[in-house]
Amino acid sequence: MSKILICVDIDECAGNICSLYADCVNTMGSYLCTCNEGFIGNGLTCADINECNEDNQCDPDAACINRLGSYECSCLEGFIGDGRQCEDINECATPNICPSTTTSCTNSPGSFSCQCTVGYSGDGVFQCNDVNECLVANGGCGNRATCVNNQGSFYCLCPSGFILVNKTFCQDIDECKEQNNPCGVNEECKNIDGSFECSCQLGYYRLANNMECVDMDECKTNPCHVNASCLNTIGSHTCTCKRGFSGNGTQCEDIDECSAEGTCHSRALCANFIGGYFCSCQEGFNGNGFACEDVDECALPETKCPSFSKCVNSPGAHVCSCLNGTLADNDTCCLGKSQTAIIFKLKHRFRNKV
């Protein structure tokens, strides 16, 4: 009887033939060693993979810790999370994280810092001392402002009569506008730095500092022209040129009445003088200069013509006319050139009167 031989597969994996960090898979007549996740090798030997040196899922604000066949992510100090997601811890939200009320906390990624608040100087951790801002440029207080220092701050103080603008600048208060004319009757308000003055209005004066303003009689100081009349009024005065003068009262010039036509009668002479004029009738006329009438010399007893002549009156003069048509002169009737001379003399005399 013959023997039948049967071949049975050997399970190599039973003998731990693969690496400790590998999986062994038995196959018909063989086996397969595969390194576990987190390891690298041929399965017979497997080396740990350092995931921290490669791309991993740790947050940028986390530390990567390599483990055998794996790795861990741990958030850095100042951050909180599972390592794969880390959020900044706001330390400033913790009460009294900074040691003093004169410090302020500033949060930063993964940390925080304490610094002295405005108005103090120091390291923010151990000490913060008040800064006296008034020692530098008067604290920025300008135009008569006084700098007043206090703990952690300062302020600008204005003197009386000023108001603080933009917390640093003193501006004068115009009391004349703000108080709606605080002065008395016949006074005008004048604003000055920090206060105001009440002075008498033009045309008024004050007998004493504590008295009211009364009207000033400007005419006492002769403010007008010598040829003008001064009239005092309440708070002022007027100057009026006298009759015969023209101008504004402070300057007066004589009016030449004779230069105007018709001032005197046409048979009168006009004589101008300072502030007036005089009209006098021409020789051979009677009147006041404004009205002049011809004098009839032939009717006057002192007018005598020779018996052989006749008296003929003319405007402003007369002639003795001979019966033969000539004129009498020196008791003689003149002929020819003598008569012409007499007529010329009379015409010249009459022209000068006009």
Protein backbone atom coordinates (compact mmCIF):
# COMPACT_ATOMS: atom_id res chain seq x y z
CA MET A 1 0.00 0.00 0.00
CA SER A 2 1.52 3.34 -1.04
CA LYS A 3 1.72 6.47 1.26
CA ILE A 4 0.06 9.79 0.22
CA LEU A 5 2.05 12.92 1.28
CA ILE A 6 0.12 16.17 1.97
CA CYS A 7 1.98 19.59 2.01
CA VAL A 8 0.67 22.07 4.59
CA ASP A 9 1.37 25.86 4.44
CA ILE A 10 3.68 27.18 7.09
CA ASP A 11 2.37 30.21 8.97
CA GLU A 12 5.54 32.27 9.12
CA CYS A 13 3.69 35.01 11.07
CA ALA A 14 3.43 32.69 14.03
CA GLY A 15 7.12 33.01 14.52
CA ASN A 16 7.07 36.85 14.73
CA ILE A 17 9.19 37.08 11.68
CA CYS A 18 8.19 40.70 10.97
CA SER A 19 9.30 43.80 12.80
CA LEU A 20 7.69 44.53 16.09
CA TYR A 21 6.17 47.64 14.42
CA ALA A 22 4.82 45.77 11.42
CA ASP A 23 1.78 43.70 10.60
CA CYS A 24 2.41 40.18 9.32
CA VAL A 25 0.04 38.70 6.74
CA ASN A 26 0.47 34.98 6.02
CA THR A 27 -0.01 33.87 2.43
CA MET A 28 0.08 30.41 0.81
CA GLY A 29 3.68 29.49 0.86
CA SER A 30 4.83 32.93 1.99
CA TYR A 31 4.01 36.00 4.12
CA LEU A 32 3.89 39.81 3.88
CA CYS A 33 5.30 42.25 6.41
CA THR A 34 3.87 45.85 6.31
CA CYS A 35 5.13 48.59 8.65
CA ASN A 36 2.46 50.06 10.84
CA GLU A 37 1.22 53.65 10.32
CA GLY A 38 3.81 56.03 11.64
CA PHE A 39 6.67 53.76 10.66
CA ILE A 40 8.64 53.24 7.52
CA GLY A 41 10.63 50.21 6.33
CA ASN A 42 10.34 46.87 4.54
CA GLY A 43 8.29 45.35 7.28
CA LEU A 44 11.12 43.25 8.60
CA THR A 45 12.66 46.42 9.98
CA CYS A 46 10.52 49.54 10.65
CA ALA A 47 11.75 52.94 11.75
CA ASP A 48 9.59 55.58 13.42
CA ILE A 49 8.52 58.49 11.19
CA ASN A 50 9.12 61.92 12.84
CA GLU A 51 5.89 63.67 11.76
CA CYS A 52 7.05 66.86 13.43
CA ASN A 53 9.60 67.27 10.64
CA GLU A 54 6.93 66.96 8.01
CA ASP A 55 3.56 68.46 7.29
CA ASN A 56 1.28 67.81 10.21
CA GLN A 57 -2.02 69.00 11.60
CA CYS A 58 -0.61 71.03 14.48
CA ASP A 59 -1.73 74.65 14.78
CA PRO A 60 0.96 77.28 14.02
CA ASP A 61 0.66 78.29 17.68
CA ALA A 62 1.16 74.72 18.92
CA ALA A 63 4.23 72.57 19.67
CA CYS A 64 4.60 69.23 17.85
CA ILE A 65 5.74 66.28 20.04
CA ASN A 66 6.88 63.17 18.20
CA ARG A 67 5.77 59.82 19.65
CA LEU A 68 6.64 56.29 18.61
CA GLY A 69 4.53 55.77 15.55
CA SER A 70 2.61 58.98 16.10
CA TYR A 71 2.82 62.62 17.31
CA GLU A 72 1.02 65.02 19.60
CA CYS A 73 0.10 68.71 19.27
CA SER A 74 0.19 70.91 22.37
CA CYS A 75 -0.85 74.60 22.33
CA LEU A 76 1.93 76.95 23.29
CA GLU A 77 1.83 78.96 26.50
CA GLY A 78 -0.67 81.79 26.12
CA PHE A 79 -2.90 79.73 23.84
CA ILE A 80 -5.69 77.29 24.52
CA GLY A 81 -7.07 74.40 22.40
CA ASP A 82 -6.48 70.78 21.38
CA GLY A 83 -3.24 71.55 19.61
CA ARG A 84 -4.70 71.27 16.20
CA GLN A 85 -6.68 74.45 16.84
CA CYS A 86 -5.28 77.03 19.25
CA GLU A 87 -6.77 80.37 20.26
CA ASP A 88 -4.96 83.23 21.98
CA ILE A 89 -5.73 83.63 25.68
CA ASN A 90 -6.64 87.28 26.47
CA GLU A 91 -4.76 87.65 29.71
CA CYS A 92 -5.95 91.26 30.00
CA ALA A 93 -9.45 89.92 30.69
CA THR A 94 -8.14 88.52 33.96
CA PRO A 95 -8.85 91.02 36.79
CA ASN A 96 -5.78 92.73 38.27
CA ILE A 97 -3.44 91.00 35.84
CA CYS A 98 -1.36 94.19 36.00
CA PRO A 99 -0.24 95.19 39.47
CA SER A 100 -1.48 98.81 39.73
CA THR A 101 -4.38 101.10 38.82
CA THR A 102 -1.82 103.32 37.11
CA THR A 103 -0.99 100.61 34.59
CA SER A 104 -2.77 99.31 31.54
CA CYS A 105 -2.69 95.84 30.01
CA THR A 106 -1.99 95.19 26.33
CA ASN A 107 -2.77 91.72 25.00
CA SER A 108 -0.52 90.21 22.32
CA PRO A 109 -0.55 86.76 20.62
CA GLY A 110 0.40 84.31 23.36
CA SER A 111 1.32 86.97 25.88
CA PHE A 112 0.53 90.40 27.36
CA SER A 113 2.37 93.40 28.72
CA CYS A 114 1.75 95.97 31.44
CA GLN A 115 2.67 99.59 30.84
CA CYS A 116 2.11 102.80 32.75
CA THR A 117 -0.95 104.77 31.73
CA VAL A 118 -0.71 108.25 30.22
CA GLY A 119 0.52 110.67 32.85
CA TYR A 120 2.77 108.14 34.55
CA SER A 121 6.24 106.78 33.80
CA GLY A 122 7.96 103.53 34.86
CA ASP A 123 8.28 99.88 33.86
CA GLY A 124 4.57 99.17 34.33
CA VAL A 125 5.34 96.12 36.46
CA PHE A 126 7.01 97.37 39.61
CA GLN A 127 6.48 101.11 39.55
CA CYS A 128 4.59 103.94 37.82
CA ASN A 129 5.29 107.49 38.95
CA ASP A 130 3.29 110.61 38.14
CA VAL A 131 4.69 112.74 35.31
CA ASN A 132 4.61 116.49 35.99
CA GLU A 133 3.56 117.66 32.53
CA CYS A 134 3.75 121.30 33.64
CA LEU A 135 7.56 121.14 33.70
CA VAL A 136 7.75 120.92 29.90
CA ALA A 137 6.51 123.92 27.89
CA ASN A 138 4.00 124.76 30.62
CA GLY A 139 2.13 121.57 29.71
CA GLY A 140 1.12 123.14 26.39
CA CYS A 141 -1.00 125.75 28.17
CA GLY A 142 -0.81 129.01 26.24
CA ASN A 143 -1.88 132.66 26.25
CA ARG A 144 -1.88 133.43 29.99
CA ALA A 145 -3.01 129.92 31.00
CA THR A 146 -1.53 128.37 34.14
CA CYS A 147 -0.65 124.67 34.12
CA VAL A 148 -1.89 122.74 37.16
CA ASN A 149 -0.45 119.23 37.67
CA ASN A 150 -2.37 116.41 39.36
CA GLN A 151 -1.93 112.64 39.64
CA GLY A 152 -1.61 111.20 36.17
CA SER A 153 -2.82 114.33 34.44
CA PHE A 154 -2.88 118.11 34.38
CA TYR A 155 -5.19 120.94 33.36
CA CYS A 156 -4.89 124.52 32.13
CA LEU A 157 -6.42 127.27 34.25
CA CYS A 158 -7.36 130.66 32.80
CA PRO A 159 -7.35 133.91 34.81
CA SER A 160 -10.50 135.94 35.33
CA GLY A 161 -11.86 137.45 32.14
CA PHE A 162 -10.68 134.58 29.93
CA ILE A 163 -12.27 131.34 28.76
CA LEU A 164 -10.43 128.08 28.06
CA VAL A 165 -10.52 126.94 24.42
CA ASN A 166 -9.51 123.41 23.35
CA LYS A 167 -8.41 122.80 26.98
CA THR A 168 -5.10 124.59 26.36
CA PHE A 169 -5.69 128.16 25.14
CA CYS A 170 -7.08 131.14 27.04
CA GLN A 171 -9.27 133.42 24.96
CA ASP A 172 -10.35 136.85 26.13
CA ILE A 173 -14.04 137.21 27.01
CA ASP A 174 -15.61 140.21 25.28
CA GLU A 175 -17.69 141.42 28.19
CA CYS A 176 -19.13 144.21 26.05
CA LYS A 177 -20.92 141.56 23.95
CA GLU A 178 -21.44 138.82 26.52
CA GLN A 179 -22.99 141.16 29.09
CA ASN A 180 -24.93 143.27 26.55
CA ASN A 181 -23.17 146.60 27.23
CA PRO A 182 -22.47 146.58 30.97
CA CYS A 183 -21.68 150.32 31.00
CA GLY A 184 -23.92 153.20 32.07
CA VAL A 185 -25.73 156.03 30.29
CA ASN A 186 -23.60 158.05 27.86
CA GLU A 187 -20.77 155.52 28.27
CA GLU A 188 -19.27 153.19 25.71
CA CYS A 189 -17.84 149.78 26.52
CA LYS A 190 -14.29 149.02 25.45
CA ASN A 191 -13.06 145.45 25.75
CA ILE A 192 -9.51 144.90 27.03
CA ASP A 193 -7.56 141.72 27.81
CA GLY A 194 -9.29 140.02 30.72
CA SER A 195 -11.67 142.88 31.47
CA PHE A 196 -13.44 145.93 30.04
CA GLU A 197 -13.53 149.69 30.45
CA CYS A 198 -16.40 152.17 30.44
CA SER A 199 -15.34 155.47 28.91
CA CYS A 200 -17.50 158.48 28.15
CA GLN A 201 -18.94 158.66 24.67
CA LEU A 202 -17.69 161.30 22.27
CA GLY A 203 -19.03 164.65 23.40
CA TYR A 204 -19.25 163.68 27.07
CA TYR A 205 -16.83 163.85 29.98
CA ARG A 206 -16.65 162.74 33.60
CA LEU A 207 -16.07 165.27 36.35
CA ALA A 208 -14.70 162.54 38.64
CA ASN A 209 -14.04 158.80 38.39
CA ASN A 210 -17.14 157.90 40.38
CA MET A 211 -19.48 160.27 38.54
CA GLU A 212 -21.65 159.82 35.47
CA CYS A 213 -20.76 161.18 32.05
CA VAL A 214 -22.26 164.59 31.27
CA ASP A 215 -22.47 166.62 28.09
CA MET A 216 -19.31 168.48 27.11
CA ASP A 217 -19.74 172.05 25.81
CA GLU A 218 -17.32 171.81 22.89
CA CYS A 219 -18.00 175.44 21.98
CA LYS A 220 -15.92 176.57 24.97
CA THR A 221 -12.78 175.36 23.21
CA ASN A 222 -13.63 177.28 20.00
CA PRO A 223 -13.59 174.27 17.67
CA CYS A 224 -15.17 176.20 14.79
CA HIS A 225 -13.69 178.64 12.29
CA VAL A 226 -13.27 182.25 13.39
CA ASN A 227 -16.01 183.20 10.92
CA ALA A 228 -18.42 180.47 12.07
CA SER A 229 -20.94 180.14 14.89
CA CYS A 230 -20.73 177.17 17.30
CA LEU A 231 -23.91 175.53 18.63
CA ASN A 232 -23.52 173.01 21.42
CA THR A 233 -25.80 169.93 21.20
CA ILE A 234 -26.25 166.91 23.47
CA GLY A 235 -23.08 164.91 23.01
CA SER A 236 -21.84 166.97 20.11
CA HIS A 237 -21.82 170.42 18.47
CA THR A 238 -22.37 172.06 15.10
CA CYS A 239 -20.35 174.70 13.30
CA THR A 240 -22.17 177.03 10.88
CA CYS A 241 -20.42 179.62 8.76
CA LYS A 242 -21.65 183.16 9.43
CA ARG A 243 -23.58 185.19 6.89
CA GLY A 244 -21.30 186.22 4.07
CA PHE A 245 -19.16 183.09 4.37
CA SER A 246 -19.44 179.57 2.96
CA GLY A 247 -17.96 176.26 4.11
CA ASN A 248 -18.51 173.41 6.57
CA GLY A 249 -18.02 175.47 9.71
CA THR A 250 -14.48 174.33 10.41
CA GLN A 251 -13.36 176.08 7.21
CA CYS A 252 -15.17 179.24 6.10
CA GLU A 253 -14.33 181.40 3.11
CA ASP A 254 -15.61 184.84 2.29
CA ILE A 255 -18.38 184.95 -0.32
CA ASP A 256 -17.68 187.52 -3.06
CA GLU A 257 -21.24 188.76 -3.47
CA CYS A 258 -20.11 191.22 -6.14
CA SER A 259 -19.22 188.33 -8.45
CA ALA A 260 -22.89 187.39 -8.67
CA GLU A 261 -24.90 189.21 -11.30
CA GLY A 262 -27.69 191.44 -9.97
CA THR A 263 -26.32 191.82 -6.45
CA CYS A 264 -26.51 195.61 -6.74
CA HIS A 265 -28.53 197.87 -9.05
CA SER A 266 -27.26 198.18 -12.60
CA ARG A 267 -26.47 201.88 -11.87
CA ALA A 268 -24.62 201.03 -8.64
CA LEU A 269 -21.07 200.09 -7.72
CA CYS A 270 -20.50 196.88 -5.65
CA ALA A 271 -17.69 196.78 -3.07
CA ASN A 272 -16.92 193.38 -1.49
CA PHE A 273 -15.41 193.13 2.00
CA ILE A 274 -14.79 190.24 4.44
CA GLY A 275 -18.15 188.81 5.38
CA GLY A 276 -20.26 191.27 3.38
CA TYR A 277 -20.52 193.83 0.58
CA PHE A 278 -21.69 197.40 -0.07
CA CYS A 279 -23.76 198.82 -2.95
CA SER A 280 -23.50 202.53 -3.73
CA CYS A 281 -25.26 204.32 -6.58
CA GLN A 282 -23.08 205.81 -9.29
CA GLU A 283 -22.51 209.56 -9.57
CA GLY A 284 -25.60 211.15 -11.00
CA PHE A 285 -27.91 208.61 -9.34
CA ASN A 286 -29.63 208.52 -5.95
CA GLY A 287 -30.63 205.45 -3.93
CA ASN A 288 -29.44 202.72 -1.54
CA GLY A 289 -27.45 200.83 -4.15
CA PHE A 290 -30.10 198.20 -4.59
CA ALA A 291 -32.42 200.76 -6.22
CA CYS A 292 -30.89 203.78 -8.01
CA GLU A 293 -32.73 206.65 -9.75
CA ASP A 294 -31.27 209.22 -12.09
CA VAL A 295 -30.69 212.68 -10.58
CA ASP A 296 -32.30 215.43 -12.75
CA GLU A 297 -29.47 217.91 -12.54
CA CYS A 298 -31.52 220.43 -14.56
CA ALA A 299 -33.98 220.61 -11.66
CA LEU A 300 -31.25 221.38 -9.15
CA PRO A 301 -30.72 225.04 -8.25
CA GLU A 302 -26.97 224.69 -8.36
CA THR A 303 -27.07 223.58 -11.99
CA LYS A 304 -26.75 226.68 -14.20
CA CYS A 305 -26.55 226.95 -17.96
CA PRO A 306 -25.86 230.18 -19.90
CA SER A 307 -28.96 232.13 -20.77
CA PHE A 308 -28.47 231.39 -24.41
CA SER A 309 -28.58 227.61 -23.75
CA LYS A 310 -31.01 225.04 -22.43
CA CYS A 311 -30.28 222.37 -19.74
CA VAL A 312 -30.77 218.85 -21.09
CA ASN A 313 -30.81 216.00 -18.49
CA SER A 314 -29.32 212.56 -19.37
CA PRO A 315 -28.79 209.37 -17.27
CA GLY A 316 -26.21 210.28 -14.69
CA ALA A 317 -25.33 213.67 -16.26
CA HIS A 318 -26.63 216.77 -18.07
CA VAL A 319 -25.53 219.16 -20.86
CA CYS A 320 -26.22 222.77 -21.74
CA SER A 321 -27.48 222.80 -25.31
CA CYS A 322 -27.20 225.96 -27.43
CA LEU A 323 -30.14 226.87 -29.64
CA ASN A 324 -27.97 226.41 -32.74
CA GLY A 325 -27.39 222.75 -31.95
CA THR A 326 -24.02 223.17 -30.27
CA LEU A 327 -23.09 222.70 -26.62
CA ALA A 328 -22.22 225.43 -24.18
CA ASP A 329 -18.85 225.31 -22.43
CA ASN A 330 -17.49 228.12 -20.26
CA ASP A 331 -20.36 230.39 -21.30
CA THR A 332 -19.54 229.82 -24.97
CA CYS A 333 -21.29 227.75 -27.60
CA CYS A 334 -18.60 225.48 -28.94
CA LEU A 335 -18.25 224.68 -32.62
CA GLY A 336 -16.23 222.08 -34.49
CA LYS A 337 -13.45 220.40 -32.55
CA SER A 338 -14.40 222.01 -29.27
CA GLN A 339 -17.90 220.58 -29.46
CA THR A 340 -16.51 217.09 -30.22
CA ALA A 341 -14.20 217.35 -27.22
CA ILE A 342 -17.08 218.22 -24.94
CA ILE A 343 -19.16 215.31 -26.22
CA PHE A 344 -16.14 212.95 -25.77
CA LYS A 345 -15.62 214.27 -22.25
CA LEU A 346 -19.26 213.64 -21.38
CA LYS A 347 -19.23 210.12 -22.89
CA HIS A 348 -16.00 209.26 -21.06
CA ARG A 349 -17.44 210.57 -17.83
CA PHE A 350 -20.64 208.57 -18.32
CA ARG A 351 -18.71 205.38 -19.23
CA ASN A 352 -16.64 205.58 -16.04
CA LYS A 353 -19.81 205.87 -13.99
CA VAL A 354 -21.13 202.68 -15.56
